[in-house]
PDB file of N, CA and C in Angstrom:
ATOM      1  N   MET A   1       0.543  -1.310   0.001  1.00  0.00           N
ATOM      2  CA  MET A   1      -0.379   0.418  -0.345  1.00  0.00           C
ATOM      3  C   MET A   1       0.775   1.096   0.296  1.00  0.00           C
ATOM      4  N   ILE A   2       2.044   1.533   0.838  1.00  0.00           N
ATOM      5  CA  ILE A   2       2.867   2.102   0.842  1.00  0.00           C
ATOM      6  C   ILE A   2       3.689   2.235  -0.291  1.00  0.00           C
ATOM      7  N   VAL A   3       3.607   2.144  -1.287  1.00  0.00           N
ATOM      8  CA  VAL A   3       4.876   1.717  -2.399  1.00  0.00           C
ATOM      9  C   VAL A   3       3.645   2.630  -3.584  1.00  0.00           C
ATOM     10  N   ILE A   4       2.190   2.321  -3.613  1.00  0.00           N
ATOM     11  CA  ILE A   4       1.491   2.464  -3.829  1.00  0.00           C
ATOM     12  C   ILE A   4       1.398   3.982  -4.367  1.00  0.00           C
ATOM     13  N   VAL A   5       0.796   4.670  -3.393  1.00  0.00           N
ATOM     14  CA  VAL A   5       1.036   6.249  -2.511  1.00  0.00           C
ATOM     15  C   VAL A   5       2.775   6.477  -3.269  1.00  0.00           C
ATOM     16  N   VAL A   6       3.429   6.424  -2.273  1.00  0.00           N
ATOM     17  CA  VAL A   6       4.970   7.039  -3.303  1.00  0.00           C
ATOM     18  C   VAL A   6       5.248   6.535  -5.090  1.00  0.00           C
ATOM     19  N   VAL A   7       4.808   5.846  -5.957  1.00  0.00           N
ATOM     20  CA  VAL A   7       4.379   5.825  -7.090  1.00  0.00           C
ATOM     21  C   VAL A   7       3.275   6.856  -7.048  1.00  0.00           C
ATOM     22  N   VAL A   8       2.877   7.306  -7.307  1.00  0.00           N
ATOM     23  CA  VAL A   8       1.124   7.685  -7.384  1.00  0.00           C
ATOM     24  C   VAL A   8       1.613   9.733  -6.914  1.00  0.00           C
ATOM     25  N   VAL A   9       1.912   9.449  -5.805  1.00  0.00           N
ATOM     26  CA  VAL A   9       2.630  10.737  -5.615  1.00  0.00           C
ATOM     27  C   VAL A   9       3.533  11.441  -6.411  1.00  0.00           C
ATOM     28  N   SER A  10       5.119  10.316  -6.426  1.00  0.00           N
ATOM     29  CA  SER A  10       6.036  10.640  -7.372  1.00  0.00           C
ATOM     30  C   SER A  10       5.289  10.857  -8.669  1.00  0.00           C
ATOM     31  N   THR A  11       4.430  10.312  -9.331  1.00  0.00           N
ATOM     32  CA  THR A  11       4.041  10.524 -10.227  1.00  0.00           C
ATOM     33  C   THR A  11       3.299  11.724 -10.794  1.00  0.00           C
ATOM     34  N   LEU A  12       2.613  12.389  -9.785  1.00  0.00           N
ATOM     35  CA  LEU A  12       2.069  13.539 -10.318  1.00  0.00           C
ATOM     36  C   LEU A  12       2.725  14.488 -10.166  1.00  0.00           C
ATOM     37  N   PHE A  13       3.990  14.442  -8.742  1.00  0.00           N
ATOM     38  CA  PHE A  13       4.702  15.554  -8.289  1.00  0.00           C
ATOM     39  C   PHE A  13       6.023  15.865 -10.304  1.00  0.00           C
ATOM     40  N   ILE A  14       6.386  14.892 -10.550  1.00  0.00           N
ATOM     41  CA  ILE A  14       6.849  14.832 -11.828  1.00  0.00           C
ATOM     42  C   ILE A  14       5.954  15.150 -12.618  1.00  0.00           C
ATOM     43  N   ALA A  15       4.878  15.318 -13.353  1.00  0.00           N
ATOM     44  CA  ALA A  15       3.717  15.645 -14.804  1.00  0.00           C
ATOM     45  C   ALA A  15       3.371  17.289 -13.844  1.00  0.00           C
ATOM     46  N   ASP A  16       3.234  17.240 -13.038  1.00  0.00           N
ATOM     47  CA  ASP A  16       2.964  18.637 -12.442  1.00  0.00           C
ATOM     48  C   ASP A  16       4.389  19.291 -12.961  1.00  0.00           C
ATOM     49  N   ASN A  17       5.360  18.599 -12.893  1.00  0.00           N
ATOM     50  CA  ASN A  17       6.575  19.685 -12.911  1.00  0.00           C
ATOM     51  C   ASN A  17       7.299  19.597 -14.264  1.00  0.00           C
ATOM     52  N   GLN A  18       6.761  19.179 -15.303  1.00  0.00           N
ATOM     53  CA  GLN A  18       6.985  18.620 -16.587  1.00  0.00           C
ATOM     54  C   GLN A  18       7.875  19.612 -16.796  1.00  0.00           C
ATOM     55  N   GLU A  19       7.491  20.908 -17.076  1.00  0.00           N
ATOM     56  CA  GLU A  19       7.971  21.722 -17.720  1.00  0.00           C
ATOM     57  C   GLU A  19       9.574  21.664 -17.398  1.00  0.00           C
ATOM     58  N   PHE A  20       9.873  22.265 -15.977  1.00  0.00           N
ATOM     59  CA  PHE A  20      11.169  22.583 -15.233  1.00  0.00           C
ATOM     60  C   PHE A  20      11.820  20.860 -15.243  1.00  0.00           C
ATOM     61  N   PHE A  21      11.865  20.447 -15.389  1.00  0.00           N
ATOM     62  CA  PHE A  21      12.220  19.138 -15.666  1.00  0.00           C
ATOM     63  C   PHE A  21      13.062  18.944 -17.271  1.00  0.00           C
ATOM     64  N   ASN A  22      12.275  18.874 -18.149  1.00  0.00           N
ATOM     65  CA  ASN A  22      12.462  19.284 -19.152  1.00  0.00           C
ATOM     66  C   ASN A  22      13.564  20.321 -19.734  1.00  0.00           C
ATOM     67  N   LYS A  23      13.268  21.484 -19.085  1.00  0.00           N
ATOM     68  CA  LYS A  23      14.764  22.506 -19.025  1.00  0.00           C
ATOM     69  C   LYS A  23      15.820  22.132 -18.305  1.00  0.00           C
ATOM     70  N   ALA A  24      15.609  21.742 -16.934  1.00  0.00           N
ATOM     71  CA  ALA A  24      16.994  20.852 -16.818  1.00  0.00           C
ATOM     72  C   ALA A  24      17.464  20.235 -16.799  1.00  0.00           C
ATOM     73  N   GLU A  25      16.461  19.586 -17.775  1.00  0.00           N
ATOM     74  CA  GLU A  25      17.644  18.076 -18.801  1.00  0.00           C
ATOM     75  C   GLU A  25      18.288  18.815 -20.014  1.00  0.00           C
ATOM     76  N   GLN A  26      17.554  19.705 -20.897  1.00  0.00           N
ATOM     77  CA  GLN A  26      17.778  20.657 -21.687  1.00  0.00           C
ATOM     78  C   GLN A  26      19.652  21.642 -21.009  1.00  0.00           C
ATOM     79  N   ASP A  27      19.350  22.107 -20.437  1.00  0.00           N
ATOM     80  CA  ASP A  27      20.623  22.499 -19.746  1.00  0.00           C
ATOM     81  C   ASP A  27      21.711  21.649 -19.132  1.00  0.00           C
ATOM     82  N   ILE A  28      21.850  20.642 -18.662  1.00  0.00           N
ATOM     83  CA  ILE A  28      22.390  19.447 -17.983  1.00  0.00           C
ATOM     84  C   ILE A  28      23.124  19.410 -19.716  1.00  0.00           C
ATOM     85  N   LYS A  29      22.213  18.753 -20.745  1.00  0.00           N
ATOM     86  CA  LYS A  29      23.189  18.578 -21.915  1.00  0.00           C
ATOM     87  C   LYS A  29      23.957  19.709 -21.998  1.00  0.00           C
ATOM     88  N   ALA A  30      23.924  21.388 -21.782  1.00  0.00           N
ATOM     89  CA  ALA A  30      24.141  22.279 -22.077  1.00  0.00           C
ATOM     90  C   ALA A  30      25.366  22.492 -22.052  1.00  0.00           C
ATOM     91  N   GLY A  31      25.692  21.625 -20.214  1.00  0.00           N
ATOM     92  CA  GLY A  31      26.590  21.877 -19.878  1.00  0.00           C
ATOM     93  C   GLY A  31      26.677  22.357 -18.067  1.00  0.00           C
ATOM     94  N   HIS A  32      25.003  22.465 -17.539  1.00  0.00           N
ATOM     95  CA  HIS A  32      25.391  23.982 -16.812  1.00  0.00           C
ATOM     96  C   HIS A  32      25.055  22.562 -15.774  1.00  0.00           C
ATOM     97  N   THR A  33      25.715  22.864 -14.489  1.00  0.00           N
ATOM     98  CA  THR A  33      25.893  21.839 -12.974  1.00  0.00           C
ATOM     99  C   THR A  33      25.134  21.980 -12.264  1.00  0.00           C
ATOM    100  N   TRP A  34      24.708  21.034 -10.935  1.00  0.00           N
ATOM    101  CA  TRP A  34      24.043  22.440  -9.870  1.00  0.00           C
ATOM    102  C   TRP A  34      24.978  22.773  -8.898  1.00  0.00           C
ATOM    103  N   GLN A  35      24.431  23.739  -8.523  1.00  0.00           N
ATOM    104  CA  GLN A  35      24.899  24.319  -7.853  1.00  0.00           C
ATOM    105  C   GLN A  35      24.569  24.789  -6.280  1.00  0.00           C
ATOM    106  N   TYR A  36      24.992  25.214  -5.063  1.00  0.00           N
ATOM    107  CA  TYR A  36      24.338  25.169  -3.842  1.00  0.00           C
ATOM    108  C   TYR A  36      24.599  26.500  -4.474  1.00  0.00           C
ATOM    109  N   VAL A  37      23.576  26.610  -4.136  1.00  0.00           N
ATOM    110  CA  VAL A  37      23.493  28.256  -3.501  1.00  0.00           C
ATOM    111  C   VAL A  37      23.571  28.862  -1.562  1.00  0.00           C
ATOM    112  N   GLY A  38      23.043  28.212  -1.361  1.00  0.00           N
ATOM    113  CA  GLY A  38      22.032  28.386  -0.204  1.00  0.00           C
ATOM    114  C   GLY A  38      21.003  29.138  -0.017  1.00  0.00           C
ATOM    115  N   GLU A  39      19.797  29.558   0.993  1.00  0.00           N
ATOM    116  CA  GLU A  39      18.428  30.010   0.508  1.00  0.00           C
ATOM    117  C   GLU A  39      18.594  31.601   0.702  1.00  0.00           C
ATOM    118  N   GLN A  40      18.026  31.175  -0.844  1.00  0.00           N
ATOM    119  CA  GLN A  40      18.029  32.610  -1.365  1.00  0.00           C
ATOM    120  C   GLN A  40      16.345  32.305  -2.724  1.00  0.00           C
ATOM    121  N   ASP A  41      15.817  33.744  -2.800  1.00  0.00           N
ATOM    122  CA  ASP A  41      14.445  33.921  -3.048  1.00  0.00           C
ATOM    123  C   ASP A  41      14.296  33.579  -4.634  1.00  0.00           C
ATOM    124  N   PRO A  42      13.667  32.886  -5.230  1.00  0.00           N
ATOM    125  CA  PRO A  42      13.672  32.237  -6.787  1.00  0.00           C
ATOM    126  C   PRO A  42      13.738  33.218  -7.288  1.00  0.00           C
ATOM    127  N   ASP A  43      14.392  33.276  -8.816  1.00  0.00           N
ATOM    128  CA  ASP A  43      15.253  34.087  -9.968  1.00  0.00           C
ATOM    129  C   ASP A  43      12.932  34.090 -10.670  1.00  0.00           C
ATOM    130  N   PRO A  44      12.498  35.165 -10.676  1.00  0.00           N
ATOM    131  CA  PRO A  44      11.130  35.512 -11.303  1.00  0.00           C
ATOM    132  C   PRO A  44      11.755  34.632 -12.602  1.00  0.00           C
ATOM    133  N   ASP A  45      12.627  34.675 -13.760  1.00  0.00           N
ATOM    134  CA  ASP A  45      12.830  34.707 -15.047  1.00  0.00           C
ATOM    135  C   ASP A  45      12.942  33.151 -15.034  1.00  0.00           C
ATOM    136  N   SER A  46      13.164  32.654 -14.474  1.00  0.00           N
ATOM    137  CA  SER A  46      13.506  30.811 -14.244  1.00  0.00           C
ATOM    138  C   SER A  46      13.061  30.329 -14.191  1.00  0.00           C
ATOM    139  N   LEU A  47      12.682  28.768 -14.129  1.00  0.00           N
ATOM    140  CA  LEU A  47      11.697  27.936 -13.749  1.00  0.00           C
ATOM    141  C   LEU A  47      12.676  27.261 -12.408  1.00  0.00           C
ATOM    142  N   SER A  48      11.537  26.988 -11.132  1.00  0.00           N
ATOM    143  CA  SER A  48      12.595  26.676 -10.276  1.00  0.00           C
ATOM    144  C   SER A  48      11.332  25.945  -9.083  1.00  0.00           C
ATOM    145  N   ILE A  49      11.958  24.454  -8.484  1.00  0.00           N
ATOM    146  CA  ILE A  49      11.003  23.862  -7.406  1.00  0.00           C
ATOM    147  C   ILE A  49      11.195  24.647  -5.802  1.00  0.00           C
ATOM    148  N   THR A  50      10.300  25.545  -5.485  1.00  0.00           N
ATOM    149  CA  THR A  50      10.529  25.891  -4.408  1.00  0.00           C
ATOM    150  C   THR A  50      10.589  25.068  -3.181  1.00  0.00           C
ATOM    151  N   SER A  51      11.542  25.584  -1.928  1.00  0.00           N
ATOM    152  CA  SER A  51      11.009  25.065  -1.053  1.00  0.00           C
ATOM    153  C   SER A  51       9.697  26.448   0.212  1.00  0.00           C
ATOM    154  N   GLN A  52       8.924  25.820   0.386  1.00  0.00           N
ATOM    155  CA  GLN A  52       7.937  26.524   1.626  1.00  0.00           C
ATOM    156  C   GLN A  52       7.877  26.365   2.505  1.00  0.00           C
ATOM    157  N   THR A  53       7.884  27.138   3.597  1.00  0.00           N
ATOM    158  CA  THR A  53       6.903  27.322   4.492  1.00  0.00           C
ATOM    159  C   THR A  53       6.678  27.368   5.183  1.00  0.00           C
ATOM    160  N   GLU A  54       5.151  27.454   6.188  1.00  0.00           N
ATOM    161  CA  GLU A  54       4.016  28.066   6.219  1.00  0.00           C
ATOM    162  C   GLU A  54       4.576  29.512   6.896  1.00  0.00           C
ATOM    163  N   GLY A  55       4.068  30.503   6.598  1.00  0.00           N
ATOM    164  CA  GLY A  55       4.101  31.817   7.051  1.00  0.00           C
ATOM    165  C   GLY A  55       5.682  32.000   6.169  1.00  0.00           C
ATOM    166  N   ARG A  56       6.231  31.968   5.794  1.00  0.00           N
ATOM    167  CA  ARG A  56       7.512  32.391   4.767  1.00  0.00           C
ATOM    168  C   ARG A  56       7.435  32.460   3.247  1.00  0.00           C
ATOM    169  N   ASN A  57       8.156  32.704   2.987  1.00  0.00           N
ATOM    170  CA  ASN A  57       7.858  33.284   1.454  1.00  0.00           C
ATOM    171  C   ASN A  57       9.125  31.892   0.891  1.00  0.00           C
ATOM    172  N   PRO A  58       8.714  31.565  -0.030  1.00  0.00           N
ATOM    173  CA  PRO A  58       9.188  30.466  -1.560  1.00  0.00           C
ATOM    174  C   PRO A  58      10.906  30.962  -0.989  1.00  0.00           C
ATOM    175  N   LYS A  59      11.882  29.854  -1.098  1.00  0.00           N
ATOM    176  CA  LYS A  59      13.240  29.522  -1.385  1.00  0.00           C
ATOM    177  C   LYS A  59      13.973  28.299  -2.237  1.00  0.00           C
ATOM    178  N   ILE A  60      14.797  29.286  -2.950  1.00  0.00           N
ATOM    179  CA  ILE A  60      15.554  27.625  -3.436  1.00  0.00           C
ATOM    180  C   ILE A  60      16.293  27.536  -2.419  1.00  0.00           C
ATOM    181  N   TYR A  61      17.689  26.417  -2.435  1.00  0.00           N
ATOM    182  CA  TYR A  61      18.494  26.181  -2.128  1.00  0.00           C
ATOM    183  C   TYR A  61      19.275  25.897  -3.448  1.00  0.00           C
ATOM    184  N   TRP A  62      19.479  25.237  -4.150  1.00  0.00           N
ATOM    185  CA  TRP A  62      20.655  25.070  -5.677  1.00  0.00           C
ATOM    186  C   TRP A  62      19.809  25.515  -6.910  1.00  0.00           C
ATOM    187  N   LYS A  63      20.762  25.521  -7.982  1.00  0.00           N
ATOM    188  CA  LYS A  63      20.546  26.413  -9.369  1.00  0.00           C
ATOM    189  C   LYS A  63      21.480  25.536 -10.047  1.00  0.00           C
ATOM    190  N   LEU A  64      21.028  25.853 -11.682  1.00  0.00           N
ATOM    191  CA  LEU A  64      21.501  25.463 -12.652  1.00  0.00           C
ATOM    192  C   LEU A  64      22.971  26.152 -13.161  1.00  0.00           C
ATOM    193  N   LYS A  65      23.625  26.297 -13.539  1.00  0.00           N
ATOM    194  CA  LYS A  65      24.913  27.558 -13.683  1.00  0.00           C
ATOM    195  C   LYS A  65      26.023  26.766 -14.326  1.00  0.00           C
ATOM    196  N   LYS A  66      25.975  27.881 -15.277  1.00  0.00           N
ATOM    197  CA  LYS A  66      26.972  27.011 -16.380  1.00  0.00           C
ATOM    198  C   LYS A  66      28.541  28.205 -16.438  1.00  0.00           C
ATOM    199  N   TYR A  67      29.553  26.931 -15.482  1.00  0.00           N
ATOM    200  CA  TYR A  67      30.874  28.260 -15.443  1.00  0.00           C
ATOM    201  C   TYR A  67      31.070  28.967 -16.887  1.00  0.00           C
ATOM    202  N   TYR A  68      31.651  29.489 -17.286  1.00  0.00           N
ATOM    203  CA  TYR A  68      32.847  30.319 -18.209  1.00  0.00           C
ATOM    204  C   TYR A  68      34.605  29.870 -17.787  1.00  0.00           C
ATOM    205  N   LEU A  69      34.952  29.570 -18.265  1.00  0.00           N
ATOM    206  CA  LEU A  69      36.768  29.003 -18.160  1.00  0.00           C
ATOM    207  C   LEU A  69      37.576  29.824 -18.887  1.00  0.00           C
TER     208      LEU A  69
END
Protein backbone atom coordinates (compact mmCIF):
# COMPACT_ATOMS: atom_id res chain seq x y z
CA MET A 1 0.00 0.00 0.00
CA ILE A 2 2.79 2.46 0.89
CA VAL A 3 4.58 1.68 -2.37
CA ILE A 4 1.45 2.54 -4.35
CA VAL A 5 1.10 5.89 -2.54
CA VAL A 6 4.78 6.74 -3.17
CA VAL A 7 4.46 5.88 -6.87
CA VAL A 8 1.28 7.95 -7.27
CA VAL A 9 2.71 10.98 -5.43
CA SER A 10 5.97 10.79 -7.40
CA THR A 11 4.11 10.54 -10.69
CA LEU A 12 1.91 13.52 -9.85
CA PHE A 13 4.95 15.59 -8.78
CA ILE A 14 6.81 14.85 -12.01
CA ALA A 15 3.73 15.48 -14.17
CA ASP A 16 3.02 18.78 -12.39
CA ASN A 17 6.63 19.97 -12.86
CA GLN A 18 7.32 18.54 -16.32
CA GLU A 19 8.30 21.93 -17.81
CA PHE A 20 10.98 22.35 -15.11
CA PHE A 21 12.39 18.86 -15.65
CA ASN A 22 12.54 19.34 -19.44
CA LYS A 23 14.39 22.67 -19.05
CA ALA A 24 16.78 21.20 -16.46
CA GLU A 25 17.58 18.30 -18.82
CA GLN A 26 18.35 20.75 -21.66
CA ASP A 27 20.56 22.87 -19.39
CA ILE A 28 22.51 19.85 -18.13
CA LYS A 29 23.13 18.72 -21.71
CA ALA A 30 24.38 22.27 -22.43
CA GLY A 31 26.98 21.97 -19.66
CA HIS A 32 25.21 23.43 -16.64
CA THR A 33 25.72 21.80 -13.23
CA TRP A 34 23.79 21.98 -9.98
CA GLN A 35 25.38 24.48 -7.60
CA TYR A 36 24.40 25.05 -3.98
CA VAL A 37 23.48 28.74 -3.65
CA GLY A 38 22.19 28.78 -0.09
CA GLU A 39 18.75 30.03 0.86
CA GLN A 40 17.61 32.55 -1.76
CA ASP A 41 14.42 33.96 -3.19
CA PRO A 42 13.61 32.27 -6.51
CA ASP A 43 14.55 34.09 -9.71
CA PRO A 44 11.26 35.19 -11.32
CA ASP A 45 12.79 34.77 -14.79
CA SER A 46 13.75 31.10 -14.41
CA LEU A 47 11.89 27.91 -13.65
CA SER A 48 12.36 26.50 -10.17
CA ILE A 49 10.90 24.12 -7.64
CA THR A 50 10.73 25.97 -4.36
CA SER A 51 10.77 24.99 -0.74
CA GLN A 52 8.11 26.75 1.28
CA THR A 53 7.39 26.78 4.99
CA GLU A 54 4.10 28.08 6.32
CA GLY A 55 4.31 31.81 6.95
CA ARG A 56 7.51 32.29 4.91
CA ASN A 57 8.24 33.15 1.30
CA PRO A 58 9.29 30.37 -1.12
CA LYS A 59 13.05 29.73 -1.24
CA ILE A 60 15.53 27.88 -3.44
CA TYR A 61 18.80 26.25 -2.38
CA TRP A 62 20.19 24.82 -5.63
CA LYS A 63 20.50 26.36 -9.08
CA LEU A 64 21.72 25.14 -12.46
CA LYS A 65 24.71 27.28 -13.46
CA LYS A 66 27.26 27.21 -16.24
CA TYR A 67 30.76 28.37 -15.54
CA TYR A 68 32.86 29.71 -18.36
CA LEU A 69 36.61 29.32 -18.11
